[in-house]
Protein backbone atom coordinates (compact mmCIF):
# COMPACT_ATOMS: atom_id res chain seq x y z
CA MET A 1 -4.13 -12.33 -3.44
CA ALA A 2 -0.61 -11.90 -1.96
CA SER A 3 2.50 -14.06 -1.46
CA PHE A 4 5.49 -14.09 0.87
CA HIS A 5 8.76 -15.78 -0.11
CA LEU A 6 11.77 -16.11 2.25
CA ILE A 7 15.01 -17.13 0.63
CA ARG A 8 18.23 -18.01 2.24
CA TYR A 9 21.42 -18.24 0.16
CA ALA A 10 24.77 -19.92 0.94
CA GLY A 11 26.81 -16.66 0.71
CA VAL A 12 26.50 -13.02 1.52
CA ASP A 13 27.17 -12.12 -2.09
CA ALA A 14 23.39 -12.99 -2.64
CA MET A 15 22.79 -9.39 -1.57
CA ARG A 16 23.53 -8.43 -5.45
CA TYR A 17 20.21 -9.95 -6.20
CA MET A 18 18.38 -6.98 -4.40
CA ALA A 19 19.56 -4.94 -7.48
CA PHE A 20 19.60 -7.48 -10.16
CA ASP A 21 15.94 -8.78 -9.38
CA ARG A 22 14.26 -5.21 -9.41
CA PRO A 23 13.96 -4.77 -13.46
CA VAL A 24 12.75 -8.48 -13.71
CA LEU A 25 10.10 -7.82 -11.09
CA ARG A 26 8.98 -4.48 -12.55
CA GLY A 27 8.42 -6.27 -15.87
CA THR A 28 6.46 -9.19 -14.41
CA ALA A 29 3.02 -9.61 -15.80
CA GLY A 30 0.13 -9.51 -13.12
CA LEU A 31 2.42 -8.31 -10.35
CA SER A 32 0.64 -5.17 -8.94
CA PHE A 33 2.91 -4.61 -6.11
CA TRP A 34 6.14 -5.96 -4.72
CA ARG A 35 8.92 -5.15 -2.05
CA LEU A 36 12.33 -6.87 -1.91
CA LEU A 37 13.23 -6.92 1.76
CA GLY A 38 16.42 -7.53 3.59
CA THR A 39 16.07 -9.51 6.86
CA GLY A 40 17.24 -9.22 10.53
CA ARG A 41 18.84 -11.93 12.55
CA GLY A 42 16.08 -11.92 15.29
CA ARG A 43 12.37 -12.45 15.07
CA SER A 44 11.46 -8.86 15.08
CA MET A 45 12.78 -5.42 13.86
CA THR A 46 16.21 -5.38 14.96
CA PRO A 47 19.25 -3.29 13.70
CA GLY A 48 21.37 -6.48 12.84
CA ALA A 49 21.11 -7.86 9.23
CA ASP A 50 21.20 -11.48 7.84
CA LEU A 51 23.05 -10.86 4.56
CA ARG A 52 22.19 -14.51 3.41
CA ARG A 53 18.51 -14.25 3.80
CA TRP A 54 16.14 -12.07 1.92
CA ALA A 55 12.46 -11.73 1.29
CA LEU A 56 9.91 -10.75 -1.25
CA PHE A 57 6.29 -9.56 -0.43
CA ALA A 58 4.15 -9.42 -3.66
CA VAL A 59 0.51 -8.67 -4.44
CA TRP A 60 -0.81 -10.61 -7.69
CA ASP A 61 -3.81 -10.07 -9.94
CA GLY A 62 -4.58 -13.64 -9.39
CA GLU A 63 -3.31 -17.26 -8.97
CA PRO A 64 -2.50 -17.50 -12.45
CA ALA A 65 -0.10 -14.52 -12.35
CA LEU A 66 1.80 -16.05 -9.26
CA ASP A 67 1.98 -19.53 -11.11
CA ALA A 68 3.36 -18.05 -14.07
CA PHE A 69 6.08 -16.26 -12.24
CA LEU A 70 6.94 -19.35 -10.23
CA ALA A 71 6.99 -21.40 -13.41
CA ARG A 72 8.98 -19.04 -15.82
CA SER A 73 10.66 -16.20 -14.01
CA PRO A 74 14.57 -16.33 -13.74
CA VAL A 75 14.09 -14.95 -10.19
CA ALA A 76 11.99 -18.04 -9.24
CA ALA A 77 14.53 -20.27 -11.17
CA ARG A 78 17.26 -19.10 -9.11
CA TRP A 79 15.43 -19.60 -5.98
CA ARG A 80 15.14 -23.16 -7.05
CA ASP A 81 18.64 -23.75 -8.19
CA GLU A 82 20.88 -21.61 -6.04
CA ALA A 83 19.07 -20.99 -2.85
CA ALA A 84 20.12 -23.19 0.31
CA GLU A 85 16.52 -22.91 1.55
CA SER A 86 13.40 -21.25 0.49
CA TRP A 87 9.67 -21.04 1.91
CA HIS A 88 6.70 -19.76 0.04
CA ALA A 89 3.24 -18.79 1.15
CA ARG A 90 0.11 -17.71 -0.84
CA LEU A 91 -1.85 -15.31 1.37
CA ALA A 92 -5.57 -14.50 1.30
CA VAL A 93 -6.37 -11.01 2.65
CA LEU A 94 -8.38 -10.89 6.01
CA SER A 95 -7.85 -7.24 6.58
CA SER A 96 -5.51 -4.35 5.64
CA ARG A 97 -5.24 -0.71 6.86
CA GLY A 98 -2.57 2.01 6.20
CA GLY A 99 -0.24 2.48 3.35
CA TRP A 100 2.96 1.47 1.63
CA GLY A 101 4.42 3.90 -0.71
CA GLY A 102 1.44 6.18 -0.56
CA ARG A 103 -1.26 3.61 -1.13
CA ASP A 104 -2.74 0.43 0.32
CA PRO A 105 -1.37 -2.20 -1.87
CA LEU A 106 -4.08 -4.61 -0.63
CA ALA A 107 -7.25 -2.39 -1.25
CA ALA A 108 -8.25 -4.22 -4.45
CA ALA A 109 -7.27 -7.82 -3.14
CA ALA A 110 -10.15 -10.13 -2.60
CA ALA A 111 -10.89 -10.60 1.09
CA VAL A 112 -11.99 -13.70 2.82
CA PRO A 113 -14.51 -13.94 5.67
CA PRO A 114 -13.37 -12.59 9.21
CA GLY A 115 -11.44 -15.26 10.93
CA GLY A 116 -10.66 -16.93 7.74
CA PRO A 117 -11.81 -20.46 6.52
CA GLY A 118 -11.93 -22.72 9.74
CA GLY A 119 -10.41 -19.82 12.00
CA GLY A 120 -7.06 -21.40 11.49
CA PRO A 121 -3.42 -19.92 11.19
CA VAL A 122 -3.00 -16.24 10.46
CA ALA A 123 -0.29 -14.45 8.91
CA VAL A 124 0.55 -10.85 10.05
CA LEU A 125 2.28 -8.23 8.00
CA THR A 126 3.53 -4.82 9.85
CA ARG A 127 5.32 -2.30 8.05
CA ALA A 128 6.45 1.16 9.18
CA SER A 129 8.42 4.08 7.80
CA ILE A 130 9.95 5.64 11.07
CA ARG A 131 10.54 9.30 11.41
CA PRO A 132 14.21 9.93 11.92
CA ARG A 133 13.84 11.91 15.30
CA ARG A 134 11.91 8.81 16.51
CA LEU A 135 14.43 6.09 15.54
CA LEU A 136 16.23 5.99 18.94
CA ALA A 137 12.93 5.57 20.92
CA PHE A 138 11.83 2.76 18.35
CA TYR A 139 14.81 0.73 18.67
CA ARG A 140 15.10 1.05 22.40
CA SER A 141 11.52 -0.48 22.61
CA VAL A 142 12.49 -3.39 20.36
CA PRO A 143 14.17 -5.80 22.91
CA ARG A 144 11.23 -5.95 25.29
CA VAL A 145 8.72 -6.40 22.46
CA ASP A 146 10.99 -9.13 20.96
CA GLY A 147 11.41 -10.76 24.38
CA GLU A 148 7.53 -11.10 24.71
CA LEU A 149 7.31 -12.34 21.00
CA ARG A 150 9.61 -15.13 21.74
CA ARG A 151 7.53 -16.15 24.78
CA GLN A 152 4.27 -16.29 22.81
CA ALA A 153 3.06 -19.96 22.56
CA GLY A 154 0.93 -18.96 19.48
CA CYS A 155 3.55 -17.46 17.43
CA LEU A 156 4.72 -20.13 15.01
CA ALA A 157 7.42 -18.01 13.30
CA SER A 158 8.47 -14.53 12.82
CA VAL A 159 11.12 -12.54 10.76
CA GLY A 160 11.97 -8.85 10.87
CA ALA A 161 12.46 -7.32 7.39
CA GLY A 162 13.19 -3.88 5.80
CA GLU A 163 13.57 -1.88 2.67
CA TRP A 164 15.97 0.60 3.99
CA PRO A 165 18.46 0.07 6.90
CA LEU A 166 16.85 1.08 10.18
CA ALA A 167 14.15 3.61 8.93
CA ARG A 168 11.76 1.42 6.91
CA GLN A 169 11.03 -1.76 8.76
CA ALA A 170 8.55 -4.59 8.63
CA THR A 171 7.74 -7.90 10.33
CA PHE A 172 6.07 -11.03 9.03
CA SER A 173 4.68 -13.50 11.43
CA LEU A 174 2.62 -16.60 11.45
CA TRP A 175 0.25 -17.53 14.46
CA THR A 176 -1.82 -20.28 15.44
CA ASP A 177 -5.28 -18.36 15.11
CA ALA A 178 -6.66 -14.72 15.35
CA ASP A 179 -7.02 -14.96 19.19
CA ALA A 180 -3.22 -15.55 19.65
CA VAL A 181 -2.50 -12.36 17.43
CA ALA A 182 -4.86 -10.41 19.75
CA ARG A 183 -3.27 -11.66 22.91
CA PHE A 184 0.07 -10.48 21.72
CA ALA A 185 -0.98 -7.34 20.34
CA TYR A 186 -3.16 -6.04 23.11
CA ARG A 187 -2.46 -7.92 26.27
CA THR A 188 1.36 -7.95 26.56
CA ALA A 189 2.62 -4.98 28.45
CA ALA A 190 5.65 -4.06 26.29
CA HIS A 191 3.46 -4.19 23.11
CA ARG A 192 0.65 -2.21 24.60
CA ASP A 193 3.13 0.33 25.74
CA VAL A 194 4.70 0.68 22.28
CA ILE A 195 1.34 1.09 20.59
CA GLY A 196 0.46 3.95 23.02
CA ARG A 197 3.81 5.73 22.25
CA VAL A 198 3.65 5.14 18.56
CA ARG A 199 0.21 6.99 18.46
CA GLY A 200 1.04 9.58 21.20
CA GLU A 201 4.56 10.39 20.04
CA ASP A 202 3.83 10.26 16.37
CA TRP A 203 6.75 7.64 15.60
CA TYR A 204 5.66 6.69 11.99
CA ALA A 205 5.53 8.66 8.88
CA GLU A 206 3.52 5.85 7.27
CA GLU A 207 2.33 2.19 8.42
CA LEU A 208 0.51 -0.77 7.26
CA PHE A 209 -0.93 -3.53 9.15
CA ALA A 210 -2.41 -6.55 7.37
CA ARG A 211 -3.64 -10.00 8.35
CA PHE A 212 -4.00 -12.96 5.82
CA VAL A 213 -4.94 -16.46 5.65
CA PRO A 214 -1.79 -18.43 4.79
CA TYR A 215 -2.21 -21.25 2.27
CA GLY A 216 -0.47 -23.32 -0.24
CA THR A 217 2.94 -23.14 1.50
CA GLU A 218 5.97 -24.75 0.10
CA GLY A 219 9.55 -25.30 1.21
CA THR A 220 11.18 -24.80 4.49
CA TRP A 221 11.77 -21.79 7.13
CA ASP A 222 14.76 -22.62 9.25
CA GLY A 223 14.62 -26.30 8.51
CA ARG A 224 10.86 -26.82 8.60
CA ASP A 225 7.53 -25.55 7.31
CA PRO A 226 6.05 -23.74 10.44
CA LEU A 227 2.56 -24.20 9.19
CA ARG A 228 3.06 -28.12 9.00
CA ALA A 229 5.27 -28.59 11.97
C-alpha cells in the first residue's frame, strides 16, 4: 500500500526539512519507496513554487509500517506539532505503469479490483522526468491543460509537485470516480493534444502513471478534506 501526505507550514523556512527528513526516512522500517516533493501554487505542473507546502509520497510494506511511522517518527511528530495544516491519505493500488528512479515502486503492492471497492473516488499520481530539450514545449502546454483541469466537475482536488525544479514533475489528484478521470484524460482537447505530443516528440525520459483507491484520510487540504466535503 501507499500513502500521500500534504503538509503546509507557517513559514518558508520549512524548506530545510527537505534535507533534514531524508536520513530519517531512509532509516524508516517498512518504507520501501519514498519521495519528498515540493509543490506548485496551481493545481497542475507549474514553474511557480509554494515554499510553505511540501508533500511525501510513500510506499509501505503494509499498514503496520505506516501506523508505526505515524505514531513514532519525528517527521510525523513535527507534522502534528508544527504544521499549519496537513492532509494524509492511505492508497490502495488500482493500476500502475512506468517507472520512478528506474523501477516501478508499486510493482509489489497489493492491487484492488478494477474500479475499486464500490467504484468510488480515485486518486491519480502522474510523474515525469522531462528531457531538457522538451522543457519549453512542456511548460507551454501547461496553461491549457491547467485550465481544463479547473473546469472538470469530477476533479475534487489537485496539486502539482516535483523533486527537481522544472525537470522532474508530478501531479496528485482526486476524482469522483474512474469515469471522471477518463473524461479528462481522453476527452478534453488540450490533454489529448499533450498526450499525442508526449509520445510523438519523446518528451519524457521516464514516466509513471498510477491510480489508487484513497481511503483512511485524515486532516485538511486547503481547509477541508476533499473526500468528505
